[in-house]
Amino acid sequence: MTLLDRKLLRDILAMRGQVMTIALVVAAGMAVFIASISTYDSLRAGRDRFYASARFPQVFVTLKRAPLSVVAQLNEIPGVAAVEPRIVRDVILDWPSAMLPVSARMVSLTHAGDEPLARLHVRRGTAPEPGDTKTAAINEAFAEANAVKLGTDVPVVLNGRVQSFRVSAVALSPEYVYAVKPGVPIPDDRFYAVLWVDRNAAEAAFDMKGAFNDAIVSLTPGTDPKQVIDELDRLLEPYGSVGAITQRDQPSNRFLDDELNEQKVISVTIPIIFFGVAAFLLNVVLGRLVTAQREQIAALKALGFPTTPLVLHYLKLVAVVVLFGFGAGTGIRPCLRRGDDRELSRLLSPAGAGVRVDAMVGAGRFRGQLCGGITRRRDGAAQRRRAGSGGGDAAGRAAALSPFLDRGIAVGEGADAAAGAGDPQFRRPSAAQHIYHRRHRARRADGRARAVLA
């Protein structure tokens, strides 16, 4: 170990408070970065697995009315792997407990939920069986928001009259991870539901016997969706097609993509703030250290030390702080596993997606913990102030500032205000005392330089 390395150790020990503080800021930024990025990757991978297991289609098309015989022509389009014709209509629910009108989207089923495309994942109960026109499956978000249970009757306004469907299942679908009402920018699970009924019930309700007004399409790998969409629009234009869209423009998937992209931005932005604060603190501390040790640097230069080793000596201090912070941030990451994003995990994990959220993402929980800690410290400080009075109160506040005073950080008016103006136990030093302390520090610095050279 060289003389400069021993000096580095002494400097670190002398500034251990500042070193620990800056290292903790770096550790916080590193922990948040690793936690956020790992959570983003887990959620995105979980979403992809959920889509694959539920056979989420790549193309969606809505029209007025077309006969089922057209489906054979759609299957002959190059690049089309499967076509699923459906009956989809928006209806009104006669929901007595709602203060605002409740609407719903009714979707037909042909295979009791195990559809070739957009397969349902049944959370509770059983999906309507073929031929069952009295039951329906309801989306889980609406069921939770309105306390809907199995066996509850859902009154639906069809053709000017109310028809009730008994809830036989609570389900999820990749098509309605977020059930977004048309014309509304954000989902509202209290006033918008998704009902899945058997095709026979939908045909009778909307007079769509042997017809369909909605189709979902799966493509073969490597197929350009634009060419398929152009052909779909050409074939379905006589039947009132409003234009096919890709998976990217599907409302639920688009909303989910935006949420994940927002999480990605946060995972980069928040750590940058932490690292910026740490860089600012390092700059201040290193500048003060170099200013305080100018006599030592001059003595070392006079004795023949080159400039490069001296520069590297101070850069080593920065490296030690940063590496310690990175190590601590990486080490505390497993402790953040419990702070997952419960909402996205609940939506993505049910259908065997295997979402593994292994880091803290929930900004609300983190903010709550931070504010709770600040509140507890503030309440404790208030209790200590109430417990003391007069000089004791000033002495307690002066004691709180002692770690900074011990390390030679000039607090000036801040210390005076903390101790209370005019307090005899804590007066601001006079000009003569300032001069004395500066000379005393210079003598101590000269003594340390002599000890280093010895």
Protein backbone atom coordinates (compact mmCIF):
# COMPACT_ATOMS: atom_id res chain seq x y z
CA MET A 1 0.00 0.00 0.00
CA THR A 2 1.45 3.32 -1.07
CA LEU A 3 1.52 6.53 0.93
CA LEU A 4 -1.29 8.01 -1.17
CA ASP A 5 -3.43 4.93 -0.59
CA ARG A 6 -2.96 5.25 3.17
CA LYS A 7 -3.88 8.91 2.88
CA LEU A 8 -6.99 7.88 0.92
CA LEU A 9 -8.07 5.57 3.74
CA ARG A 10 -7.59 8.33 6.30
CA ASP A 11 -9.60 10.75 4.17
CA ILE A 12 -12.43 8.26 3.83
CA LEU A 13 -12.50 7.64 7.57
CA ALA A 14 -12.43 11.36 8.26
CA MET A 15 -15.34 11.95 5.87
CA ARG A 16 -17.23 8.76 6.59
CA GLY A 17 -20.48 10.63 7.12
CA GLN A 18 -20.39 12.32 3.73
CA VAL A 19 -19.13 9.15 2.05
CA MET A 20 -21.97 7.08 3.51
CA THR A 21 -24.58 9.67 2.58
CA ILE A 22 -23.49 9.91 -1.06
CA ALA A 23 -23.11 6.13 -1.31
CA LEU A 24 -26.67 5.69 -0.05
CA VAL A 25 -27.96 8.09 -2.71
CA VAL A 26 -26.12 6.08 -5.38
CA ALA A 27 -27.45 2.85 -3.86
CA ALA A 28 -31.03 4.16 -3.96
CA GLY A 29 -30.68 5.11 -7.63
CA MET A 30 -29.12 1.75 -8.49
CA ALA A 31 -31.79 -0.20 -6.61
CA VAL A 32 -34.61 1.70 -8.28
CA PHE A 33 -32.98 1.24 -11.70
CA ILE A 34 -32.53 -2.51 -11.34
CA ALA A 35 -35.96 -2.96 -9.78
CA SER A 36 -37.76 -0.93 -12.43
CA ILE A 37 -35.98 -2.45 -15.41
CA SER A 38 -36.42 -6.02 -14.16
CA THR A 39 -40.10 -5.37 -13.47
CA TYR A 40 -40.61 -3.87 -16.92
CA ASP A 41 -38.96 -6.89 -18.55
CA SER A 42 -41.01 -9.30 -16.41
CA LEU A 43 -44.30 -7.59 -17.19
CA ARG A 44 -43.60 -7.36 -20.90
CA ALA A 45 -42.56 -11.02 -21.08
CA GLY A 46 -45.61 -11.99 -19.01
CA ARG A 47 -47.91 -10.08 -21.34
CA ASP A 48 -46.42 -11.84 -24.36
CA ARG A 49 -46.85 -15.25 -22.72
CA PHE A 50 -50.43 -14.39 -21.80
CA TYR A 51 -51.20 -13.36 -25.36
CA ALA A 52 -49.64 -16.53 -26.72
CA SER A 53 -51.49 -18.84 -24.33
CA ALA A 54 -54.82 -17.08 -24.98
CA ARG A 55 -54.24 -17.04 -28.76
CA PHE A 56 -54.54 -13.30 -29.14
CA PRO A 57 -55.26 -12.46 -32.81
CA GLN A 58 -53.25 -10.07 -34.96
CA VAL A 59 -56.05 -8.42 -37.00
CA PHE A 60 -59.50 -7.15 -35.97
CA VAL A 61 -62.31 -6.11 -38.27
CA THR A 62 -65.81 -4.75 -37.58
CA LEU A 63 -68.67 -4.58 -40.09
CA LYS A 64 -72.45 -4.23 -40.29
CA ARG A 65 -73.58 -7.70 -41.26
CA ALA A 66 -72.13 -10.48 -43.39
CA PRO A 67 -73.18 -14.09 -44.01
CA LEU A 68 -71.08 -16.87 -42.55
CA SER A 69 -70.34 -18.09 -46.08
CA VAL A 70 -67.91 -15.18 -46.45
CA VAL A 71 -65.62 -16.75 -43.85
CA ALA A 72 -64.41 -19.32 -46.40
CA GLN A 73 -63.22 -16.50 -48.67
CA LEU A 74 -61.43 -14.83 -45.77
CA ASN A 75 -59.58 -18.06 -44.97
CA GLU A 76 -58.23 -18.16 -48.53
CA ILE A 77 -56.39 -14.84 -48.15
CA PRO A 78 -52.60 -15.48 -48.30
CA GLY A 79 -51.07 -15.27 -44.85
CA VAL A 80 -54.30 -15.92 -42.90
CA ALA A 81 -54.00 -18.78 -40.43
CA ALA A 82 -57.48 -18.67 -38.85
CA VAL A 83 -60.62 -16.53 -38.92
CA GLU A 84 -63.15 -16.43 -36.09
CA PRO A 85 -66.51 -14.78 -36.92
CA ARG A 86 -68.41 -13.33 -33.98
CA ILE A 87 -71.39 -11.24 -33.01
CA VAL A 88 -70.38 -8.18 -31.01
CA ARG A 89 -72.78 -5.44 -29.92
CA ASP A 90 -72.81 -2.66 -27.34
CA VAL A 91 -75.82 -2.81 -25.02
CA ILE A 92 -77.19 -0.99 -21.98
CA LEU A 93 -77.41 -2.62 -18.55
CA ASP A 94 -80.31 -1.83 -16.26
CA TRP A 95 -78.05 -1.65 -13.22
CA PRO A 96 -80.08 -0.37 -10.24
CA SER A 97 -77.17 0.58 -7.96
CA ALA A 98 -75.35 2.72 -10.55
CA MET A 99 -75.74 6.49 -10.47
CA LEU A 100 -74.73 6.76 -14.16
CA PRO A 101 -75.80 4.63 -17.15
CA VAL A 102 -73.93 1.33 -17.36
CA SER A 103 -73.09 0.01 -20.81
CA ALA A 104 -71.61 -3.31 -21.84
CA ARG A 105 -70.16 -5.09 -24.83
CA MET A 106 -71.78 -8.43 -25.60
CA VAL A 107 -69.53 -10.94 -27.36
CA SER A 108 -70.64 -14.30 -28.74
CA LEU A 109 -68.96 -17.61 -27.90
CA THR A 110 -69.02 -20.78 -29.98
CA HIS A 111 -66.84 -23.18 -27.94
CA ALA A 112 -67.80 -22.45 -24.31
CA GLY A 113 -64.90 -20.06 -23.88
CA ASP A 114 -62.21 -22.31 -25.39
CA GLU A 115 -62.24 -20.32 -28.61
CA PRO A 116 -59.81 -20.84 -31.47
CA LEU A 117 -58.83 -17.18 -31.04
CA ALA A 118 -59.10 -14.86 -28.01
CA ARG A 119 -59.65 -17.74 -25.61
CA LEU A 120 -61.29 -16.92 -22.29
CA HIS A 121 -59.57 -17.57 -19.02
CA VAL A 122 -62.28 -18.42 -16.51
CA ARG A 123 -61.43 -17.24 -13.03
CA ARG A 124 -64.55 -18.60 -11.33
CA GLY A 125 -67.48 -20.67 -12.52
CA THR A 126 -68.00 -22.08 -16.02
CA ALA A 127 -68.48 -20.32 -19.33
CA PRO A 128 -71.87 -20.62 -21.11
CA GLU A 129 -72.19 -23.99 -22.82
CA PRO A 130 -73.32 -24.24 -26.45
CA GLY A 131 -77.09 -23.82 -26.58
CA ASP A 132 -77.31 -22.13 -23.18
CA THR A 133 -79.11 -18.82 -23.77
CA LYS A 134 -79.72 -17.85 -20.14
CA THR A 135 -76.19 -17.49 -18.74
CA ALA A 136 -73.25 -15.20 -19.41
CA ALA A 137 -69.64 -14.73 -18.38
CA ILE A 138 -68.65 -11.28 -17.13
CA ASN A 139 -65.24 -9.61 -17.05
CA GLU A 140 -63.48 -9.67 -13.70
CA ALA A 141 -62.80 -5.93 -13.48
CA PHE A 142 -66.51 -5.04 -13.63
CA ALA A 143 -67.39 -7.88 -11.26
CA GLU A 144 -64.94 -6.62 -8.65
CA ALA A 145 -65.94 -2.98 -9.05
CA ASN A 146 -69.65 -3.76 -8.59
CA ALA A 147 -69.49 -6.80 -6.27
CA VAL A 148 -70.97 -9.15 -8.88
CA LYS A 149 -70.98 -12.79 -7.78
CA LEU A 150 -71.80 -16.06 -9.47
CA GLY A 151 -75.55 -16.44 -9.86
CA THR A 152 -76.21 -12.69 -10.00
CA ASP A 153 -78.76 -11.65 -12.60
CA VAL A 154 -77.52 -9.03 -15.06
CA PRO A 155 -80.45 -7.13 -16.67
CA VAL A 156 -79.67 -6.19 -20.28
CA VAL A 157 -81.83 -3.91 -22.43
CA LEU A 158 -82.37 -5.75 -25.76
CA ASN A 159 -84.73 -4.46 -28.44
CA GLY A 160 -86.54 -2.20 -25.99
CA ARG A 161 -87.11 -4.85 -23.33
CA VAL A 162 -85.11 -6.09 -20.38
CA GLN A 163 -83.66 -9.58 -20.54
CA SER A 164 -81.71 -11.05 -17.62
CA PHE A 165 -78.63 -13.23 -17.91
CA ARG A 166 -77.40 -15.21 -14.93
CA VAL A 167 -73.66 -14.82 -14.28
CA SER A 168 -72.12 -18.28 -14.64
CA ALA A 169 -68.47 -17.25 -14.82
CA VAL A 170 -66.04 -14.45 -14.08
CA ALA A 171 -63.47 -14.39 -16.84
CA LEU A 172 -60.56 -12.59 -18.42
CA SER A 173 -59.72 -12.15 -22.08
CA PRO A 174 -56.57 -10.83 -23.80
CA GLU A 175 -58.88 -8.65 -25.87
CA TYR A 176 -60.19 -6.87 -22.75
CA VAL A 177 -57.29 -6.64 -20.34
CA TYR A 178 -58.44 -3.04 -20.17
CA ALA A 179 -62.13 -2.75 -21.06
CA VAL A 180 -62.18 0.63 -22.78
CA LYS A 181 -65.58 2.01 -23.72
CA PRO A 182 -65.71 3.46 -27.26
CA GLY A 183 -65.27 7.21 -27.17
CA VAL A 184 -63.81 7.21 -23.64
CA PRO A 185 -60.04 7.77 -23.30
CA ILE A 186 -59.58 5.71 -20.13
CA PRO A 187 -61.28 2.57 -18.81
CA ASP A 188 -63.94 2.84 -16.11
CA ASP A 189 -64.73 -0.58 -14.69
CA ARG A 190 -67.70 0.71 -12.69
CA PHE A 191 -69.76 1.67 -15.73
CA TYR A 192 -68.54 -0.60 -18.53
CA ALA A 193 -68.73 -4.38 -18.63
CA VAL A 194 -67.98 -7.18 -21.06
CA LEU A 195 -70.48 -10.03 -21.35
CA TRP A 196 -69.74 -13.28 -23.16
CA VAL A 197 -72.84 -15.23 -24.19
CA ASP A 198 -73.43 -18.26 -26.35
CA ARG A 199 -73.82 -17.57 -30.05
CA ASN A 200 -77.43 -18.79 -30.02
CA ALA A 201 -78.31 -16.13 -27.45
CA ALA A 202 -76.57 -13.41 -29.47
CA GLU A 203 -78.28 -14.50 -32.70
CA ALA A 204 -81.70 -14.36 -31.07
CA ALA A 205 -81.01 -11.01 -29.38
CA PHE A 206 -79.69 -9.18 -32.46
CA ASP A 207 -81.36 -11.11 -35.31
CA MET A 208 -78.02 -12.35 -36.62
CA LYS A 209 -78.92 -15.92 -37.53
CA GLY A 210 -76.25 -17.27 -39.88
CA ALA A 211 -74.40 -13.95 -39.90
CA PHE A 212 -71.62 -12.09 -38.13
CA ASN A 213 -70.60 -8.48 -37.62
CA ASP A 214 -67.11 -8.90 -36.18
CA ALA A 215 -64.13 -11.06 -37.09
CA ILE A 216 -60.72 -11.68 -35.58
CA VAL A 217 -57.87 -13.02 -37.69
CA SER A 218 -54.66 -14.86 -36.86
CA LEU A 219 -51.75 -14.63 -39.30
CA THR A 220 -49.02 -17.05 -40.22
CA PRO A 221 -45.50 -16.16 -39.02
CA GLY A 222 -43.75 -13.60 -41.19
CA THR A 223 -46.91 -12.29 -42.84
CA ASP A 224 -47.20 -8.56 -43.47
CA PRO A 225 -50.44 -7.44 -41.76
CA LYS A 226 -50.90 -4.54 -44.16
CA GLN A 227 -51.42 -6.79 -47.17
CA VAL A 228 -53.94 -8.92 -45.28
CA ILE A 229 -55.79 -5.82 -44.08
CA ASP A 230 -56.04 -4.47 -47.63
CA GLU A 231 -57.55 -7.73 -48.84
CA LEU A 232 -59.93 -7.93 -45.88
CA ASP A 233 -61.16 -4.40 -46.52
CA ARG A 234 -61.72 -5.21 -50.19
CA LEU A 235 -63.76 -8.35 -49.45
CA LEU A 236 -65.79 -6.91 -46.56
CA GLU A 237 -66.43 -3.41 -47.89
CA PRO A 238 -69.82 -4.45 -49.39
CA TYR A 239 -70.86 -5.62 -45.91
CA GLY A 240 -70.21 -2.31 -44.19
CA SER A 241 -66.65 -2.85 -42.99
CA VAL A 242 -65.21 0.16 -41.21
CA GLY A 243 -61.63 -0.99 -41.81
CA ALA A 244 -59.48 -3.66 -40.19
CA ILE A 245 -56.90 -2.77 -37.57
CA THR A 246 -53.77 -4.48 -36.32
CA GLN A 247 -53.02 -5.71 -32.82
CA ARG A 248 -51.08 -2.52 -32.10
CA ASP A 249 -54.22 -0.39 -32.58
CA GLN A 250 -56.53 -2.66 -30.61
CA PRO A 251 -57.79 -0.45 -27.71
CA SER A 252 -56.91 -2.73 -24.80
CA ASN A 253 -53.50 -3.67 -26.17
CA ARG A 254 -52.73 -0.04 -27.01
CA PHE A 255 -53.60 1.06 -23.48
CA LEU A 256 -51.49 -1.73 -22.01
CA ASP A 257 -48.55 -0.83 -24.28
CA ASP A 258 -48.77 2.77 -23.13
CA GLU A 259 -48.69 1.66 -19.49
CA LEU A 260 -45.61 -0.48 -20.09
CA ASN A 261 -43.87 2.30 -22.01
CA GLU A 262 -44.60 4.67 -19.15
CA GLN A 263 -43.03 2.19 -16.77
CA LYS A 264 -39.96 2.02 -19.04
CA VAL A 265 -39.59 5.80 -19.02
CA ILE A 266 -39.92 5.93 -15.23
CA SER A 267 -37.32 3.18 -14.83
CA VAL A 268 -34.78 5.41 -16.60
CA THR A 269 -35.83 8.87 -15.38
CA ILE A 270 -35.97 8.27 -11.61
CA PRO A 271 -32.47 6.72 -11.35
CA ILE A 272 -31.03 9.62 -13.37
CA ILE A 273 -32.36 12.01 -10.73
CA PHE A 274 -30.67 10.01 -7.97
CA PHE A 275 -27.39 9.81 -9.87
CA GLY A 276 -27.50 13.52 -10.64
CA VAL A 277 -27.91 14.37 -6.97
CA ALA A 278 -25.06 12.01 -6.09
CA ALA A 279 -22.82 13.63 -8.73
CA PHE A 280 -23.61 17.09 -7.36
CA LEU A 281 -22.79 16.01 -3.80
CA LEU A 282 -19.56 14.35 -4.92
CA ASN A 283 -18.53 17.52 -6.73
CA VAL A 284 -19.15 19.64 -3.63
CA VAL A 285 -17.35 17.27 -1.27
CA LEU A 286 -14.38 16.74 -3.58
CA GLY A 287 -14.05 20.47 -4.22
CA ARG A 288 -14.00 21.22 -0.49
CA LEU A 289 -11.52 18.43 0.13
CA VAL A 290 -9.09 19.68 -2.51
CA THR A 291 -9.42 23.24 -1.19
CA ALA A 292 -8.74 22.10 2.36
CA GLN A 293 -5.71 20.02 1.30
CA ARG A 294 -3.97 22.55 -0.94
CA GLU A 295 -1.05 22.75 1.48
CA GLN A 296 -0.67 18.97 1.41
CA ILE A 297 -0.84 18.90 -2.39
CA ALA A 298 1.79 21.63 -2.59
CA ALA A 299 4.07 19.74 -0.20
CA LEU A 300 3.69 16.52 -2.19
CA LYS A 301 4.41 18.32 -5.45
CA ALA A 302 7.48 19.94 -3.93
CA LEU A 303 8.76 16.52 -2.93
CA GLY A 304 8.54 15.26 -6.50
CA PHE A 305 5.09 13.64 -6.74
CA PRO A 306 3.82 13.92 -10.34
CA THR A 307 0.42 15.44 -11.08
CA THR A 308 -1.12 12.23 -12.46
CA PRO A 309 -0.85 10.14 -9.24
CA LEU A 310 -2.34 13.02 -7.24
CA VAL A 311 -5.28 13.32 -9.66
CA LEU A 312 -5.81 9.56 -9.55
CA HIS A 313 -5.68 9.72 -5.77
CA TYR A 314 -8.77 11.94 -5.63
CA LEU A 315 -10.49 10.03 -8.41
CA LYS A 316 -10.06 6.88 -6.33
CA LEU A 317 -12.14 8.53 -3.63
CA VAL A 318 -14.93 9.05 -6.15
CA ALA A 319 -14.58 5.47 -7.39
CA VAL A 320 -14.80 4.06 -3.86
CA VAL A 321 -17.99 5.97 -3.12
CA VAL A 322 -19.62 5.03 -6.42
CA LEU A 323 -18.64 1.36 -6.25
CA PHE A 324 -19.83 1.09 -2.67
CA GLY A 325 -23.16 2.63 -3.69
CA PHE A 326 -23.53 0.31 -6.68
CA GLY A 327 -22.76 -2.71 -4.54
CA ALA A 328 -25.21 -1.68 -1.85
CA GLY A 329 -27.93 -0.94 -4.43
CA THR A 330 -27.46 -4.31 -6.07
CA GLY A 331 -27.49 -6.03 -2.70
CA ILE A 332 -30.73 -4.50 -1.44
CA ARG A 333 -32.64 -5.24 -4.66
CA PRO A 334 -33.98 -8.64 -3.44
CA CYS A 335 -35.52 -6.82 -0.47
CA LEU A 336 -37.79 -4.95 -2.89
CA ARG A 337 -39.44 -8.08 -4.31
CA ARG A 338 -42.59 -7.58 -2.28
CA GLY A 339 -43.19 -4.12 -3.71
CA ASP A 340 -44.58 -5.37 -7.02
CA ASP A 341 -47.06 -3.74 -9.33
CA ARG A 342 -50.13 -5.62 -8.17
CA GLU A 343 -52.51 -4.25 -10.74
CA LEU A 344 -50.57 -5.32 -13.83
CA SER A 345 -49.64 -8.64 -12.21
CA ARG A 346 -53.31 -9.33 -11.48
CA LEU A 347 -54.25 -8.57 -15.05
CA LEU A 348 -51.44 -10.46 -16.78
CA SER A 349 -50.67 -13.47 -14.62
CA PRO A 350 -53.95 -15.46 -14.44
CA ALA A 351 -53.85 -17.45 -17.66
CA GLY A 352 -50.59 -19.17 -16.86
CA ALA A 353 -48.59 -16.23 -18.09
CA GLY A 354 -46.11 -16.75 -15.26
CA VAL A 355 -45.45 -13.11 -14.60
CA ARG A 356 -42.56 -12.79 -12.15
CA VAL A 357 -42.43 -9.32 -10.74
CA ASP A 358 -39.20 -9.41 -8.79
CA ALA A 359 -38.66 -5.76 -7.96
CA MET A 360 -40.34 -2.66 -6.66
CA VAL A 361 -42.41 -0.84 -9.25
CA GLY A 362 -45.42 0.43 -7.34
CA ALA A 363 -44.68 4.13 -7.22
CA GLY A 364 -47.63 4.59 -4.92
CA ARG A 365 -46.25 2.16 -2.37
CA PHE A 366 -42.76 3.67 -2.55
CA ARG A 367 -44.20 7.17 -2.20
CA GLY A 368 -46.32 6.00 0.75
CA GLN A 369 -43.33 4.48 2.50
CA LEU A 370 -41.25 7.61 1.92
CA CYS A 371 -43.96 9.98 3.13
CA GLY A 372 -44.69 7.72 6.09
CA GLY A 373 -41.04 7.79 7.14
CA ILE A 374 -40.87 11.55 6.82
CA THR A 375 -44.06 11.93 8.83
CA ARG A 376 -42.78 9.66 11.58
CA ARG A 377 -39.51 11.59 11.80
CA ARG A 378 -41.36 14.90 11.81
CA ASP A 379 -43.70 13.69 14.58
CA GLY A 380 -40.75 12.42 16.61
CA ALA A 381 -38.96 15.74 16.24
CA ALA A 382 -42.10 17.59 17.33
CA GLN A 383 -42.40 15.40 20.42
CA ARG A 384 -38.76 16.06 21.32
CA ARG A 385 -39.29 19.80 20.91
CA ARG A 386 -42.34 19.66 23.16
CA ALA A 387 -40.46 17.59 25.73
CA GLY A 388 -37.67 20.18 26.02
CA SER A 389 -37.82 23.92 26.54
CA GLY A 390 -35.53 26.98 26.50
CA GLY A 391 -31.84 26.16 26.44
CA GLY A 392 -32.53 22.40 26.40
CA ASP A 393 -34.42 22.78 23.12
CA ALA A 394 -31.57 24.81 21.63
CA ALA A 395 -29.03 22.33 22.93
CA GLY A 396 -30.96 19.46 21.34
CA ARG A 397 -31.01 21.17 17.99
CA ALA A 398 -27.35 22.04 18.27
CA ALA A 399 -26.64 18.36 19.05
CA ALA A 400 -28.50 17.39 15.89
CA LEU A 401 -26.08 19.56 13.91
CA SER A 402 -22.98 18.25 15.67
CA PRO A 403 -22.07 15.62 13.03
CA PHE A 404 -21.78 18.38 10.46
CA LEU A 405 -19.87 20.67 12.80
CA ASP A 406 -17.43 17.90 13.71
CA ARG A 407 -16.49 17.51 10.05
CA GLY A 408 -15.66 21.16 9.56
CA ILE A 409 -18.67 22.06 7.43
CA ALA A 410 -19.46 25.70 8.01
CA VAL A 411 -23.13 26.03 8.77
CA GLY A 412 -23.03 29.81 9.40
CA GLU A 413 -26.43 31.32 9.75
CA GLY A 414 -28.17 27.95 9.43
CA ALA A 415 -26.53 26.78 12.64
CA ASP A 416 -27.33 30.07 14.32
CA ALA A 417 -30.98 29.76 13.32
CA ALA A 418 -31.08 26.11 14.41
CA ALA A 419 -29.75 26.94 17.86
CA GLY A 420 -31.80 30.10 18.28
CA ALA A 421 -30.53 33.62 17.93
CA GLY A 422 -28.97 34.97 21.08
CA ASP A 423 -28.61 31.57 22.74
CA PRO A 424 -25.55 31.78 25.04
CA GLN A 425 -24.85 28.08 24.52
CA PHE A 426 -24.35 28.47 20.78
CA ARG A 427 -23.01 31.80 19.53
CA ARG A 428 -21.63 32.54 16.10
CA PRO A 429 -17.82 32.79 16.19
CA SER A 430 -16.27 36.22 15.91
CA ALA A 431 -13.84 37.30 13.18
CA ALA A 432 -10.87 36.71 15.48
CA GLN A 433 -12.11 33.19 16.22
CA HIS A 434 -12.46 32.55 12.49
CA ILE A 435 -8.83 33.55 11.93
CA TYR A 436 -7.70 31.38 14.86
CA HIS A 437 -9.58 28.32 13.57
CA ARG A 438 -8.21 28.75 10.05
CA ARG A 439 -4.65 28.88 11.35
CA HIS A 440 -5.33 25.92 13.59
CA ARG A 441 -6.66 23.88 10.65
CA ALA A 442 -3.64 24.90 8.55
CA ARG A 443 -1.27 23.67 11.29
CA ARG A 444 -3.19 20.40 11.55
CA ALA A 445 -3.08 19.94 7.75
CA ASP A 446 0.67 20.62 7.75
CA GLY A 447 1.11 18.07 10.51
CA ARG A 448 -0.84 15.44 8.53
CA ALA A 449 1.30 16.14 5.45
CA ARG A 450 4.44 15.65 7.48
CA ALA A 451 3.04 12.39 8.83
CA VAL A 452 2.28 11.19 5.30
CA LEU A 453 5.76 12.01 4.09
CA ALA A 454 7.29 10.36 7.11
